[in-house]
C-alpha atoms as a PDB file:
ATOM      1  CA  MET A   1       0.065 378.984 135.654  1.00  0.00           C
ATOM      2  CA  ARG A   2       2.905 376.481 135.381  1.00  0.00           C
ATOM      3  CA  LEU A   3       4.562 377.946 138.480  1.00  0.00           C
ATOM      4  CA  PHE A   4       1.277 377.824 140.386  1.00  0.00           C
ATOM      5  CA  PHE A   5       0.664 374.151 139.584  1.00  0.00           C
ATOM      6  CA  GLN A   6       4.285 373.191 140.203  1.00  0.00           C
ATOM      7  CA  THR A   7       4.154 374.902 143.576  1.00  0.00           C
ATOM      8  CA  MET A   8       0.878 373.248 144.547  1.00  0.00           C
ATOM      9  CA  LYS A   9       2.237 369.785 143.659  1.00  0.00           C
ATOM     10  CA  ARG A  10       5.576 370.075 145.452  1.00  0.00           C
ATOM     11  CA  PRO A  11       6.092 367.259 147.951  1.00  0.00           C
ATOM     12  CA  GLN A  12       7.467 369.783 150.462  1.00  0.00           C
ATOM     13  CA  ARG A  13       4.215 371.747 150.304  1.00  0.00           C
ATOM     14  CA  TRP A  14       2.128 368.643 150.939  1.00  0.00           C
ATOM     15  CA  ALA A  15       4.454 367.630 153.796  1.00  0.00           C
ATOM     16  CA  ALA A  16       3.962 371.067 155.379  1.00  0.00           C
ATOM     17  CA  VAL A  17       0.165 370.849 155.029  1.00  0.00           C
ATOM     18  CA  THR A  18      -0.043 367.363 156.552  1.00  0.00           C
ATOM     19  CA  ALA A  19       2.364 368.314 159.353  1.00  0.00           C
ATOM     20  CA  GLN A  20       0.268 371.364 160.188  1.00  0.00           C
ATOM     21  CA  ALA A  21      -2.902 369.257 160.067  1.00  0.00           C
ATOM     22  CA  GLY A  22      -1.261 366.569 162.204  1.00  0.00           C
ATOM     23  CA  VAL A  23      -2.169 363.773 159.806  1.00  0.00           C
ATOM     24  CA  ASN A  24      -0.240 361.215 157.789  1.00  0.00           C
ATOM     25  CA  ILE A  25      -1.960 360.772 154.423  1.00  0.00           C
ATOM     26  CA  ASP A  26      -0.629 361.017 150.895  1.00  0.00           C
ATOM     27  CA  ARG A  27      -2.023 363.500 148.388  1.00  0.00           C
ATOM     28  CA  PRO A  28      -3.877 360.954 146.174  1.00  0.00           C
ATOM     29  CA  ALA A  29      -5.619 359.416 149.197  1.00  0.00           C
ATOM     30  CA  ALA A  30      -6.525 362.895 150.468  1.00  0.00           C
ATOM     31  CA  LEU A  31      -7.990 363.788 147.089  1.00  0.00           C
ATOM     32  CA  ILE A  32     -10.197 360.695 147.177  1.00  0.00           C
ATOM     33  CA  LEU A  33     -11.200 361.468 150.749  1.00  0.00           C
ATOM     34  CA  HIS A  34     -12.113 365.049 149.800  1.00  0.00           C
ATOM     35  CA  MET A  35     -14.167 363.849 146.827  1.00  0.00           C
ATOM     36  CA  LEU A  36     -16.082 361.463 149.064  1.00  0.00           C
ATOM     37  CA  ILE A  37     -16.665 364.185 151.659  1.00  0.00           C
ATOM     38  CA  ALA A  38     -18.067 366.356 148.853  1.00  0.00           C
ATOM     39  CA  HIS A  39     -20.782 363.700 148.376  1.00  0.00           C
ATOM     40  CA  GLN A  40     -22.128 364.862 151.762  1.00  0.00           C
ATOM     41  CA  GLY A  41     -22.699 361.451 153.258  1.00  0.00           C
ATOM     42  CA  ARG A  42     -24.063 359.793 150.128  1.00  0.00           C
ATOM     43  CA  PRO A  43     -22.171 356.624 149.187  1.00  0.00           C
ATOM     44  CA  CYS A  44     -20.211 356.757 145.948  1.00  0.00           C
ATOM     45  CA  ARG A  45     -19.141 353.840 143.755  1.00  0.00           C
ATOM     46  CA  ILE A  46     -15.477 353.343 142.905  1.00  0.00           C
ATOM     47  CA  GLN A  47     -16.189 353.596 139.167  1.00  0.00           C
ATOM     48  CA  ASP A  48     -18.022 356.908 139.614  1.00  0.00           C
ATOM     49  CA  LEU A  49     -15.201 358.226 141.771  1.00  0.00           C
ATOM     50  CA  ALA A  50     -12.629 357.174 139.153  1.00  0.00           C
ATOM     51  CA  ILE A  51     -14.558 359.036 136.449  1.00  0.00           C
ATOM     52  CA  GLN A  52     -14.815 362.166 138.580  1.00  0.00           C
ATOM     53  CA  LEU A  53     -11.094 362.075 139.333  1.00  0.00           C
ATOM     54  CA  GLY A  54     -10.106 361.157 135.791  1.00  0.00           C
ATOM     55  CA  ILE A  55      -8.055 358.138 136.870  1.00  0.00           C
ATOM     56  CA  GLU A  56      -8.359 354.379 136.427  1.00  0.00           C
ATOM     57  CA  ALA A  57     -10.638 352.414 138.756  1.00  0.00           C
ATOM     58  CA  PRO A  58      -7.852 350.033 139.946  1.00  0.00           C
ATOM     59  CA  SER A  59      -5.877 353.038 141.238  1.00  0.00           C
ATOM     60  CA  VAL A  60      -8.943 354.266 143.107  1.00  0.00           C
ATOM     61  CA  THR A  61      -9.536 350.763 144.476  1.00  0.00           C
ATOM     62  CA  ARG A  62      -6.004 350.556 145.915  1.00  0.00           C
ATOM     63  CA  LYS A  63      -6.259 353.975 147.557  1.00  0.00           C
ATOM     64  CA  THR A  64      -9.729 353.325 148.946  1.00  0.00           C
ATOM     65  CA  GLN A  65      -8.466 350.080 150.466  1.00  0.00           C
ATOM     66  CA  GLU A  66      -5.745 352.078 152.238  1.00  0.00           C
ATOM     67  CA  LEU A  67      -8.325 354.613 153.424  1.00  0.00           C
ATOM     68  CA  GLU A  68     -10.598 351.824 154.661  1.00  0.00           C
ATOM     69  CA  GLN A  69      -7.736 350.161 156.558  1.00  0.00           C
ATOM     70  CA  ALA A  70      -6.935 353.522 158.160  1.00  0.00           C
ATOM     71  CA  GLY A  71     -10.574 353.793 159.277  1.00  0.00           C
ATOM     72  CA  TYR A  72     -11.332 356.828 157.087  1.00  0.00           C
ATOM     73  CA  LEU A  73     -14.035 355.229 154.976  1.00  0.00           C
ATOM     74  CA  GLN A  74     -16.275 352.202 154.889  1.00  0.00           C
ATOM     75  CA  ARG A  75     -17.719 350.059 152.136  1.00  0.00           C
ATOM     76  CA  ILE A  76     -21.497 349.851 151.902  1.00  0.00           C
ATOM     77  CA  PRO A  77     -23.423 347.367 149.728  1.00  0.00           C
ATOM     78  CA  ASP A  78     -25.405 349.087 146.978  1.00  0.00           C
ATOM     79  CA  PRO A  79     -29.093 348.306 147.562  1.00  0.00           C
ATOM     80  CA  LEU A  80     -29.847 348.583 143.821  1.00  0.00           C
ATOM     81  CA  ASP A  81     -26.958 346.475 142.536  1.00  0.00           C
ATOM     82  CA  LYS A  82     -25.723 343.554 144.641  1.00  0.00           C
ATOM     83  CA  ARG A  83     -22.410 343.514 142.725  1.00  0.00           C
ATOM     84  CA  ALA A  84     -21.610 347.175 143.453  1.00  0.00           C
ATOM     85  CA  ILE A  85     -20.097 348.645 146.574  1.00  0.00           C
ATOM     86  CA  GLY A  86     -20.515 352.221 147.754  1.00  0.00           C
ATOM     87  CA  LEU A  87     -17.898 354.152 149.691  1.00  0.00           C
ATOM     88  CA  LYS A  88     -18.795 356.368 152.607  1.00  0.00           C
ATOM     89  CA  VAL A  89     -16.559 358.560 154.771  1.00  0.00           C
ATOM     90  CA  THR A  90     -16.407 357.727 158.474  1.00  0.00           C
ATOM     91  CA  ALA A  91     -16.340 360.290 161.281  1.00  0.00           C
ATOM     92  CA  SER A  92     -12.575 359.771 161.488  1.00  0.00           C
ATOM     93  CA  GLY A  93     -12.256 360.424 157.747  1.00  0.00           C
ATOM     94  CA  ARG A  94     -14.315 363.626 158.027  1.00  0.00           C
ATOM     95  CA  ASN A  95     -12.059 364.724 160.872  1.00  0.00           C
ATOM     96  CA  VAL A  96      -8.906 364.153 158.785  1.00  0.00           C
ATOM     97  CA  GLY A  97     -10.466 365.902 155.787  1.00  0.00           C
ATOM     98  CA  SER A  98     -11.486 368.862 157.922  1.00  0.00           C
ATOM     99  CA  ARG A  99      -8.005 369.183 159.395  1.00  0.00           C
ATOM    100  CA  LEU A 100      -6.446 369.067 155.918  1.00  0.00           C
ATOM    101  CA  TRP A 101      -8.854 371.699 154.532  1.00  0.00           C
ATOM    102  CA  LYS A 102      -8.119 373.941 157.518  1.00  0.00           C
ATOM    103  CA  ALA A 103      -4.344 373.623 157.022  1.00  0.00           C
ATOM    104  CA  GLN A 104      -4.688 374.319 153.287  1.00  0.00           C
ATOM    105  CA  ARG A 105      -6.870 377.387 153.918  1.00  0.00           C
ATOM    106  CA  GLN A 106      -4.364 378.695 156.449  1.00  0.00           C
ATOM    107  CA  ALA A 107      -1.543 378.294 153.904  1.00  0.00           C
ATOM    108  CA  MET A 108      -3.562 380.267 151.346  1.00  0.00           C
ATOM    109  CA  ARG A 109      -4.345 382.957 153.902  1.00  0.00           C
ATOM    110  CA  ARG A 110      -0.634 383.294 154.674  1.00  0.00           C
ATOM    111  CA  ALA A 111       0.178 383.566 150.964  1.00  0.00           C
ATOM    112  CA  LEU A 112      -2.406 386.344 150.527  1.00  0.00           C
ATOM    113  CA  SER A 113      -1.843 388.071 153.874  1.00  0.00           C
ATOM    114  CA  GLY A 114       0.096 390.965 152.334  1.00  0.00           C
ATOM    115  CA  TRP A 115      -2.593 391.708 149.755  1.00  0.00           C
ATOM    116  CA  PRO A 116      -5.107 394.491 150.320  1.00  0.00           C
ATOM    117  CA  THR A 117      -8.609 393.198 151.122  1.00  0.00           C
ATOM    118  CA  VAL A 118     -10.064 394.447 147.827  1.00  0.00           C
ATOM    119  CA  GLU A 119      -7.388 392.612 145.819  1.00  0.00           C
ATOM    120  CA  ARG A 120      -7.897 389.397 147.821  1.00  0.00           C
ATOM    121  CA  GLN A 121     -11.644 389.512 147.201  1.00  0.00           C
ATOM    122  CA  GLU A 122     -11.145 390.223 143.506  1.00  0.00           C
ATOM    123  CA  PHE A 123      -8.588 387.428 143.172  1.00  0.00           C
ATOM    124  CA  ILE A 124     -10.909 384.928 144.888  1.00  0.00           C
ATOM    125  CA  ALA A 125     -13.842 385.897 142.656  1.00  0.00           C
ATOM    126  CA  LEU A 126     -11.754 385.702 139.483  1.00  0.00           C
ATOM    127  CA  PHE A 127     -10.107 382.425 140.483  1.00  0.00           C
ATOM    128  CA  GLN A 128     -13.510 380.877 141.217  1.00  0.00           C
ATOM    129  CA  ARG A 129     -14.752 382.058 137.836  1.00  0.00           C
ATOM    130  CA  PHE A 130     -11.641 380.688 136.111  1.00  0.00           C
ATOM    131  CA  SER A 131     -11.966 377.324 137.897  1.00  0.00           C
ATOM    132  CA  ASN A 132     -15.658 377.014 137.026  1.00  0.00           C
ATOM    133  CA  ASP A 133     -15.037 377.932 133.380  1.00  0.00           C
ATOM    134  CA  LEU A 134     -12.148 375.470 133.135  1.00  0.00           C
ATOM    135  CA  ALA A 135     -14.177 372.692 134.764  1.00  0.00           C
ATOM    136  CA  GLY A 136     -17.063 373.445 132.406  1.00  0.00           C
ATOM    137  CA  GLN A 137     -14.786 373.101 129.377  1.00  0.00           C
ATOM    138  CA  TYR A 138     -13.629 369.664 130.530  1.00  0.00           C
ATOM    139  CA  LEU A 139     -17.184 368.556 131.261  1.00  0.00           C
ATOM    140  CA  ASP A 140     -18.283 369.725 127.791  1.00  0.00           C
ATOM    141  CA  LEU A 141     -15.363 367.872 126.195  1.00  0.00           C
ATOM    142  CA  ALA A 142     -16.100 364.690 128.165  1.00  0.00           C
ATOM    143  CA  SER A 143     -19.797 364.768 127.257  1.00  0.00           C
ATOM    144  CA  ARG A 144     -18.964 365.144 123.553  1.00  0.00           C
ATOM    145  CA  GLN A 145     -16.621 362.132 123.721  1.00  0.00           C
ATOM    146  CA  THR A 146     -19.237 359.768 125.162  1.00  0.00           C
END
């Protein structure tokens, strides 16, 4: 597992993904963009995004400002709370996110290209199960701490 995570976090890997996608965005900003895209058009508050990502709100604020300046997201006033601001991905942001996802999927396909179909399908199913179980453990832990 350590090798997997080290490999996934290597700067060279991210540089290859962004080069293939034809975009210039750092990994933390891309993660925020992907999280916002996952909200399927619904605005998300910075605080909620910070909780979901497990990082401090000021870090999210700085990255979202960069994404806004790049034209990848926009701020929307919260109709229920005049003090709060929602974040929504723009068409340009969805385009960048889509290109990044495509490049990442292609990299995974290349890595698994030598595997027999049955093994690829089994690996995908088991990895999804593992990811869901791991996420569930963290959600359980977080809910017990609040």
